[in-house]
Amino acid sequence: MSKIKITQVKSVIDRSKRQKATMQALGLKKIRQSVVVEQTPQIKGMVSKISHLVTVEPAD
């Protein structure tokens, strides 16, 4: 499977508990922090729910 790099670009302050939990589950805690994960249907679903808070790009 391919890998993607997810970077947090906005704060989770004043966001719902579900969005905060999704960010935590992805391993994102601070703005400009990045994680590299496998691109699975579960990860794609998580990213779609918080797409306004993160950027996604292919990992090298």
C-alpha atoms as a PDB file:
ATOM      1  CA  MET A   1       0.000   0.000   0.000  1.00  0.00           C
ATOM      2  CA  SER A   2       1.069   3.571  -0.518  1.00  0.00           C
ATOM      3  CA  LYS A   3       1.866   5.956   2.301  1.00  0.00           C
ATOM      4  CA  ILE A   4       0.513   9.456   2.837  1.00  0.00           C
ATOM      5  CA  LYS A   5       1.810  12.351   4.904  1.00  0.00           C
ATOM      6  CA  ILE A   6      -0.832  14.124   7.013  1.00  0.00           C
ATOM      7  CA  THR A   7       0.030  17.555   8.434  1.00  0.00           C
ATOM      8  CA  GLN A   8      -2.091  19.486  10.923  1.00  0.00           C
ATOM      9  CA  VAL A   9      -2.620  23.067   9.737  1.00  0.00           C
ATOM     10  CA  LYS A  10      -5.373  24.318  12.046  1.00  0.00           C
ATOM     11  CA  SER A  11      -6.052  24.112  15.751  1.00  0.00           C
ATOM     12  CA  VAL A  12      -8.594  21.770  17.336  1.00  0.00           C
ATOM     13  CA  ILE A  13      -9.739  24.458  19.782  1.00  0.00           C
ATOM     14  CA  ASP A  14     -13.532  24.882  19.551  1.00  0.00           C
ATOM     15  CA  ARG A  15     -13.918  21.645  17.566  1.00  0.00           C
ATOM     16  CA  SER A  16     -16.194  18.747  18.457  1.00  0.00           C
ATOM     17  CA  LYS A  17     -15.015  15.878  20.645  1.00  0.00           C
ATOM     18  CA  ARG A  18     -15.171  13.541  17.644  1.00  0.00           C
ATOM     19  CA  GLN A  19     -12.825  15.738  15.611  1.00  0.00           C
ATOM     20  CA  LYS A  20     -10.404  16.043  18.542  1.00  0.00           C
ATOM     21  CA  ALA A  21     -10.473  12.268  19.024  1.00  0.00           C
ATOM     22  CA  THR A  22      -9.822  11.686  15.318  1.00  0.00           C
ATOM     23  CA  MET A  23      -6.798  13.982  15.414  1.00  0.00           C
ATOM     24  CA  GLN A  24      -5.485  12.172  18.469  1.00  0.00           C
ATOM     25  CA  ALA A  25      -6.056   8.777  16.852  1.00  0.00           C
ATOM     26  CA  LEU A  26      -3.975   9.883  13.869  1.00  0.00           C
ATOM     27  CA  GLY A  27      -1.216  10.968  16.254  1.00  0.00           C
ATOM     28  CA  LEU A  28      -1.489  14.699  15.628  1.00  0.00           C
ATOM     29  CA  LYS A  29      -1.073  16.969  18.654  1.00  0.00           C
ATOM     30  CA  LYS A  30       0.364  20.276  17.436  1.00  0.00           C
ATOM     31  CA  ILE A  31      -0.009  22.565  14.449  1.00  0.00           C
ATOM     32  CA  ARG A  32       2.546  21.797  11.700  1.00  0.00           C
ATOM     33  CA  GLN A  33       3.118  18.294  13.094  1.00  0.00           C
ATOM     34  CA  SER A  34       3.168  15.562  10.445  1.00  0.00           C
ATOM     35  CA  VAL A  35       2.652  11.810  10.468  1.00  0.00           C
ATOM     36  CA  VAL A  36       3.240   9.257   7.721  1.00  0.00           C
ATOM     37  CA  VAL A  37       0.677   6.449   7.602  1.00  0.00           C
ATOM     38  CA  GLU A  38      -0.452   3.689   5.270  1.00  0.00           C
ATOM     39  CA  GLN A  39      -3.317   4.704   2.993  1.00  0.00           C
ATOM     40  CA  THR A  40      -6.176   2.445   4.077  1.00  0.00           C
ATOM     41  CA  PRO A  41      -9.949   2.955   3.799  1.00  0.00           C
ATOM     42  CA  GLN A  42     -10.068   3.649   7.545  1.00  0.00           C
ATOM     43  CA  ILE A  43      -7.425   6.369   7.358  1.00  0.00           C
ATOM     44  CA  LYS A  44      -9.084   7.903   4.285  1.00  0.00           C
ATOM     45  CA  GLY A  45     -12.365   8.090   6.211  1.00  0.00           C
ATOM     46  CA  MET A  46     -10.685   9.727   9.195  1.00  0.00           C
ATOM     47  CA  VAL A  47      -8.976  12.278   6.968  1.00  0.00           C
ATOM     48  CA  SER A  48     -12.230  13.114   5.182  1.00  0.00           C
ATOM     49  CA  LYS A  49     -13.855  13.977   8.519  1.00  0.00           C
ATOM     50  CA  ILE A  50     -11.091  16.442   9.442  1.00  0.00           C
ATOM     51  CA  SER A  51     -10.035  17.579   5.969  1.00  0.00           C
ATOM     52  CA  HIS A  52     -10.535  21.229   6.953  1.00  0.00           C
ATOM     53  CA  LEU A  53      -7.867  20.866   9.689  1.00  0.00           C
ATOM     54  CA  VAL A  54      -5.158  18.948   7.799  1.00  0.00           C
ATOM     55  CA  THR A  55      -3.316  18.729   4.505  1.00  0.00           C
ATOM     56  CA  VAL A  56      -2.562  15.411   2.812  1.00  0.00           C
ATOM     57  CA  GLU A  57       0.226  14.633   0.373  1.00  0.00           C
ATOM     58  CA  PRO A  58       1.919  11.466  -0.876  1.00  0.00           C
ATOM     59  CA  ALA A  59       4.898  10.390   1.221  1.00  0.00           C
ATOM     60  CA  ASP A  60       8.235   9.735  -0.417  1.00  0.00           C
END
